[in-house]
Protein backbone atom coordinates (compact mmCIF):
# COMPACT_ATOMS: atom_id res chain seq x y z
CA MET A 1 -41.88 -13.02 -40.58
CA ARG A 2 -38.00 -11.63 -40.29
CA VAL A 3 -36.83 -12.03 -36.82
CA VAL A 4 -33.50 -10.85 -35.18
CA VAL A 5 -32.30 -12.52 -32.31
CA LEU A 6 -29.93 -10.65 -29.57
CA ALA A 7 -27.93 -12.86 -27.21
CA SER A 8 -24.94 -12.66 -24.73
CA GLY A 9 -24.51 -16.58 -23.99
CA ARG A 10 -24.88 -19.98 -24.71
CA GLY A 11 -27.68 -19.53 -27.11
CA SER A 12 -29.61 -22.57 -26.14
CA ASN A 13 -32.84 -21.00 -26.74
CA LEU A 14 -31.47 -19.58 -29.98
CA GLY A 15 -30.82 -23.19 -30.99
CA ALA A 16 -34.54 -23.94 -30.33
CA LEU A 17 -35.43 -20.90 -32.34
CA ILE A 18 -33.32 -22.24 -35.23
CA ALA A 19 -34.50 -25.84 -35.00
CA ALA A 20 -37.96 -24.56 -35.33
CA GLN A 21 -37.39 -22.61 -38.26
CA ARG A 22 -36.15 -25.65 -39.99
CA GLU A 23 -39.47 -27.09 -40.18
CA ALA A 24 -41.51 -27.67 -43.32
CA GLU A 25 -43.44 -24.51 -43.00
CA PRO A 26 -42.11 -22.08 -40.65
CA SER A 27 -43.52 -18.85 -40.07
CA PHE A 28 -40.46 -16.96 -39.25
CA GLU A 29 -36.87 -16.62 -40.44
CA ILE A 30 -33.69 -15.65 -38.37
CA VAL A 31 -32.08 -12.86 -40.43
CA LEU A 32 -29.49 -11.75 -37.86
CA VAL A 33 -28.27 -12.75 -34.59
CA ALA A 34 -26.42 -10.18 -32.74
CA GLY A 35 -24.81 -9.80 -29.19
CA ASP A 36 -22.54 -7.57 -26.98
CA LYS A 37 -19.79 -10.52 -26.59
CA PRO A 38 -17.88 -11.69 -29.52
CA GLU A 39 -17.05 -14.96 -27.75
CA ALA A 40 -20.62 -15.75 -27.14
CA ALA A 41 -21.52 -19.37 -28.01
CA ALA A 42 -24.70 -17.94 -29.48
CA LEU A 43 -22.85 -16.60 -32.39
CA ARG A 44 -20.99 -19.83 -33.19
CA ILE A 45 -24.62 -21.62 -33.11
CA ALA A 46 -25.81 -18.84 -35.68
CA GLU A 47 -22.63 -18.97 -37.65
CA ASP A 48 -23.03 -22.86 -37.82
CA ALA A 49 -26.46 -22.52 -39.17
CA GLY A 50 -25.60 -20.21 -42.15
CA ILE A 51 -27.17 -17.12 -40.28
CA GLU A 52 -25.51 -13.72 -40.29
CA THR A 53 -23.95 -12.65 -37.02
CA LEU A 54 -22.87 -9.20 -35.65
CA ALA A 55 -20.91 -8.59 -32.47
CA LEU A 56 -20.40 -5.24 -31.06
CA ASP A 57 -18.22 -4.43 -28.00
CA PRO A 58 -19.72 -1.87 -25.64
CA ARG A 59 -16.53 -0.80 -24.29
CA GLY A 60 -16.19 1.05 -27.67
CA TYR A 61 -19.11 3.43 -27.18
CA ALA A 62 -19.09 6.40 -24.77
CA ASP A 63 -22.24 5.31 -22.93
CA ARG A 64 -25.14 2.73 -23.07
CA ALA A 65 -27.19 5.15 -25.00
CA ARG A 66 -24.72 5.23 -28.22
CA PHE A 67 -24.33 1.64 -27.90
CA ASP A 68 -28.22 0.71 -28.02
CA ALA A 69 -28.62 3.49 -30.94
CA ASP A 70 -25.79 1.79 -33.06
CA LEU A 71 -27.04 -1.84 -32.31
CA PHE A 72 -30.76 -0.92 -33.22
CA SER A 73 -29.56 0.91 -36.33
CA ARG A 74 -28.10 -2.17 -37.80
CA ILE A 75 -31.04 -4.24 -36.64
CA ALA A 76 -33.47 -1.67 -38.58
CA GLU A 77 -31.22 -2.37 -41.70
CA ARG A 78 -32.35 -6.07 -41.73
CA GLU A 79 -36.10 -4.90 -41.56
CA PRO A 80 -37.33 -7.43 -38.76
CA GLY A 81 -40.85 -7.90 -37.52
CA LEU A 82 -39.55 -9.09 -34.31
CA VAL A 83 -36.72 -8.78 -32.24
CA VAL A 84 -36.18 -11.50 -29.70
CA LEU A 85 -34.29 -10.90 -26.51
CA ALA A 86 -32.81 -14.76 -25.88
CA GLY A 87 -30.29 -14.44 -22.87
CA PHE A 88 -29.23 -10.72 -23.86
CA MET A 89 -27.79 -9.45 -20.66
CA ARG A 90 -28.11 -5.59 -21.12
CA ILE A 91 -30.64 -3.07 -19.89
CA LEU A 92 -31.82 -1.23 -23.17
CA ASP A 93 -31.86 2.64 -23.68
CA PRO A 94 -35.50 3.63 -23.07
CA ALA A 95 -35.24 6.19 -25.91
CA VAL A 96 -33.79 3.78 -28.19
CA LEU A 97 -36.12 0.93 -27.30
CA ALA A 98 -39.28 3.14 -27.81
CA PRO A 99 -39.80 2.48 -31.54
CA TRP A 100 -39.48 -1.20 -30.89
CA VAL A 101 -42.05 -1.27 -28.17
CA GLY A 102 -44.33 -4.24 -29.42
CA ARG A 103 -41.91 -5.75 -31.70
CA THR A 104 -39.22 -6.83 -28.92
CA ILE A 105 -39.74 -9.72 -26.70
CA ASN A 106 -37.76 -11.12 -24.09
CA ILE A 107 -37.96 -14.66 -22.35
CA HIS A 108 -37.22 -14.65 -18.63
CA PRO A 109 -36.68 -17.57 -15.99
CA SER A 110 -39.58 -16.74 -13.62
CA LEU A 111 -43.25 -16.44 -13.17
CA LEU A 112 -43.38 -12.76 -13.51
CA PRO A 113 -44.20 -10.38 -12.04
CA LYS A 114 -42.36 -12.51 -9.54
CA TYR A 115 -38.31 -12.28 -9.67
CA ARG A 116 -37.41 -9.68 -12.04
CA GLY A 117 -33.73 -9.48 -12.64
CA LEU A 118 -30.94 -12.09 -11.88
CA ARG A 119 -30.73 -15.37 -9.51
CA THR A 120 -34.58 -15.92 -10.28
CA HIS A 121 -34.03 -20.05 -9.56
CA ALA A 122 -32.29 -19.28 -6.10
CA ARG A 123 -34.81 -16.51 -5.15
CA ALA A 124 -38.03 -18.97 -5.74
CA ILE A 125 -36.38 -21.68 -3.76
CA GLU A 126 -35.36 -19.32 -0.98
CA ALA A 127 -39.09 -18.09 -0.66
CA GLY A 128 -40.38 -21.59 -0.49
CA ASP A 129 -42.41 -21.12 -3.54
CA ALA A 130 -44.34 -24.45 -4.84
CA ALA A 131 -43.78 -23.63 -8.56
CA HIS A 132 -41.31 -21.83 -10.66
CA GLY A 133 -41.56 -21.10 -14.46
CA ALA A 134 -40.54 -18.95 -17.39
CA SER A 135 -42.24 -16.01 -18.98
CA VAL A 136 -42.25 -14.37 -22.39
CA HIS A 137 -43.07 -10.75 -22.29
CA PHE A 138 -43.04 -7.60 -24.49
CA VAL A 139 -39.93 -5.49 -23.73
CA THR A 140 -40.44 -1.87 -22.45
CA SER A 141 -38.27 0.66 -20.48
CA GLU A 142 -39.18 -1.35 -17.13
CA LEU A 143 -36.71 -3.87 -16.42
CA ASP A 144 -38.87 -7.64 -16.92
CA GLY A 145 -41.96 -5.23 -16.65
CA GLY A 146 -43.64 -5.41 -20.00
CA PRO A 147 -46.84 -6.93 -20.67
CA VAL A 148 -46.71 -10.73 -20.30
CA ILE A 149 -47.59 -12.88 -23.28
CA ALA A 150 -47.26 -16.33 -22.00
CA GLN A 151 -46.08 -18.56 -19.29
CA ALA A 152 -45.00 -22.13 -18.43
CA GLU A 153 -44.85 -23.62 -15.02
CA LEU A 154 -43.07 -26.54 -13.46
CA PRO A 155 -43.06 -27.74 -9.50
CA ILE A 156 -40.15 -27.15 -7.05
CA GLU A 157 -39.26 -30.47 -6.18
CA SER A 158 -37.92 -31.37 -2.57
CA GLY A 159 -34.14 -31.15 -2.72
CA ASP A 160 -34.16 -28.93 -5.72
CA THR A 161 -30.97 -26.67 -6.06
CA ALA A 162 -30.90 -23.31 -8.37
CA ALA A 163 -28.58 -25.38 -10.58
CA THR A 164 -31.01 -28.48 -10.80
CA LEU A 165 -33.99 -26.20 -11.03
CA ALA A 166 -32.69 -24.30 -13.89
CA THR A 167 -31.76 -27.43 -15.91
CA ARG A 168 -35.44 -28.94 -15.66
CA LEU A 169 -36.65 -25.40 -16.72
CA LEU A 170 -34.48 -24.97 -19.80
CA PRO A 171 -36.36 -27.32 -22.20
CA ILE A 172 -39.64 -25.85 -21.04
CA GLU A 173 -38.23 -22.39 -21.88
CA HIS A 174 -37.34 -23.53 -25.41
CA ARG A 175 -40.89 -24.64 -26.00
CA LEU A 176 -42.54 -21.79 -24.65
CA LEU A 177 -40.27 -19.26 -26.76
CA VAL A 178 -40.81 -21.10 -29.87
CA ALA A 179 -44.54 -21.29 -29.28
CA THR A 180 -44.89 -17.53 -28.70
CA VAL A 181 -42.61 -16.44 -31.69
CA GLY A 182 -44.71 -18.93 -33.93
CA LEU A 183 -48.10 -17.10 -32.82
CA ILE A 184 -46.21 -13.47 -32.96
CA ALA A 185 -45.08 -14.51 -36.53
CA ALA A 186 -48.66 -15.72 -37.50
CA GLY A 187 -49.96 -12.00 -36.78
CA ARG A 188 -52.04 -13.69 -33.83
CA ILE A 189 -50.42 -11.83 -31.02
CA ALA A 190 -50.08 -8.18 -30.72
CA LEU A 191 -49.45 -5.48 -28.21
CA ASP A 192 -52.30 -2.79 -27.69
CA SER A 193 -51.27 0.01 -25.41
CA ASP A 194 -50.36 -2.05 -22.39
CA ARG A 195 -52.62 -5.22 -23.37
CA VAL A 196 -51.68 -8.30 -25.03
CA ARG A 197 -54.21 -9.37 -27.78
CA LEU A 198 -54.88 -12.94 -29.15
CA ASP A 199 -56.91 -12.88 -32.42
CA GLY A 200 -57.85 -9.08 -31.66
CA HIS A 201 -59.20 -10.36 -28.16
CA ALA A 202 -57.44 -8.75 -24.76
CA LEU A 203 -55.93 -11.57 -22.69
CA ALA A 204 -57.17 -11.71 -19.09
CA ALA A 205 -54.17 -13.70 -18.22
CA PRO A 206 -50.96 -14.68 -19.86
CA LEU A 207 -50.98 -17.92 -22.10
CA ALA A 208 -50.17 -21.06 -20.38
CA LEU A 209 -47.94 -23.74 -22.14
CA ARG A 210 -49.80 -27.03 -22.84
CA GLY A 211 -47.07 -29.40 -24.33
CA ARG A 212 -45.83 -27.43 -27.19
CA THR A 213 -48.81 -25.24 -27.40
CA LEU A 214 -50.09 -22.19 -25.89
CA ALA A 215 -53.86 -21.80 -24.52
CA ALA A 216 -55.59 -19.08 -22.96
C-alpha cells in the first residue's frame, strides 16, 4: 500500500514507520512525507531515507481551506491508499477531508475519547487517572473524534510529570502506529460508516496493543 505521511514536528512516529517498511516483506511504502513547516525535523528524516518530501507554508494561502485543498491535491497525485497524520498539528478543512475519510488516520496521545486536543499528558495527571495511553483513529471532521481503531495503555506512576509520561509513552506510540498501519495495508481494517471492521467484523471496542501486535 502506498502511504503518505503528514508531519509538523520531530518525526519520531515517521521514523518508526520508515524502520518498519525496511523489513524483509513490508506491506506498505511511504511515497511522500509532507508538512506545513519547512524546518520540521520529520522532513529531514524522510530526506535521509530517500523519501520524497513536500513543505507548504500556510502563510502563502488566503485561508485554511485553500491550503488544505492544495495539499491534498498534491497528495492525490501520489495515489496513496492511506494518509497518516503523525504529529501533523493542523485541523483539516471538512470539505477537503471528506473524500479521504476512511483512508486517513491519526495517532493521538490519549485514550480517546478522553483528552482530545492538546496537553494530554498533563491533563491525565491532573485528573488523577491511573492509566494513560495512545490511540489511532480514523480522521473525520470532528477533532480527535473519529472512530478509534486501536489503543495502547500504560500506568501513570507516582511522581510522573507530563514530560516523563510522554517519554515513556513514545515507544509505545511507535509500536501502536506501525501495527495499525500494517493491518490497514494488509486489507484487514476498514471503516464502514462509523464502525471499524477487522476482517469484515465490526469491532465492539478498539484493538489493544499486546507487545508489537494488536488483539481484539
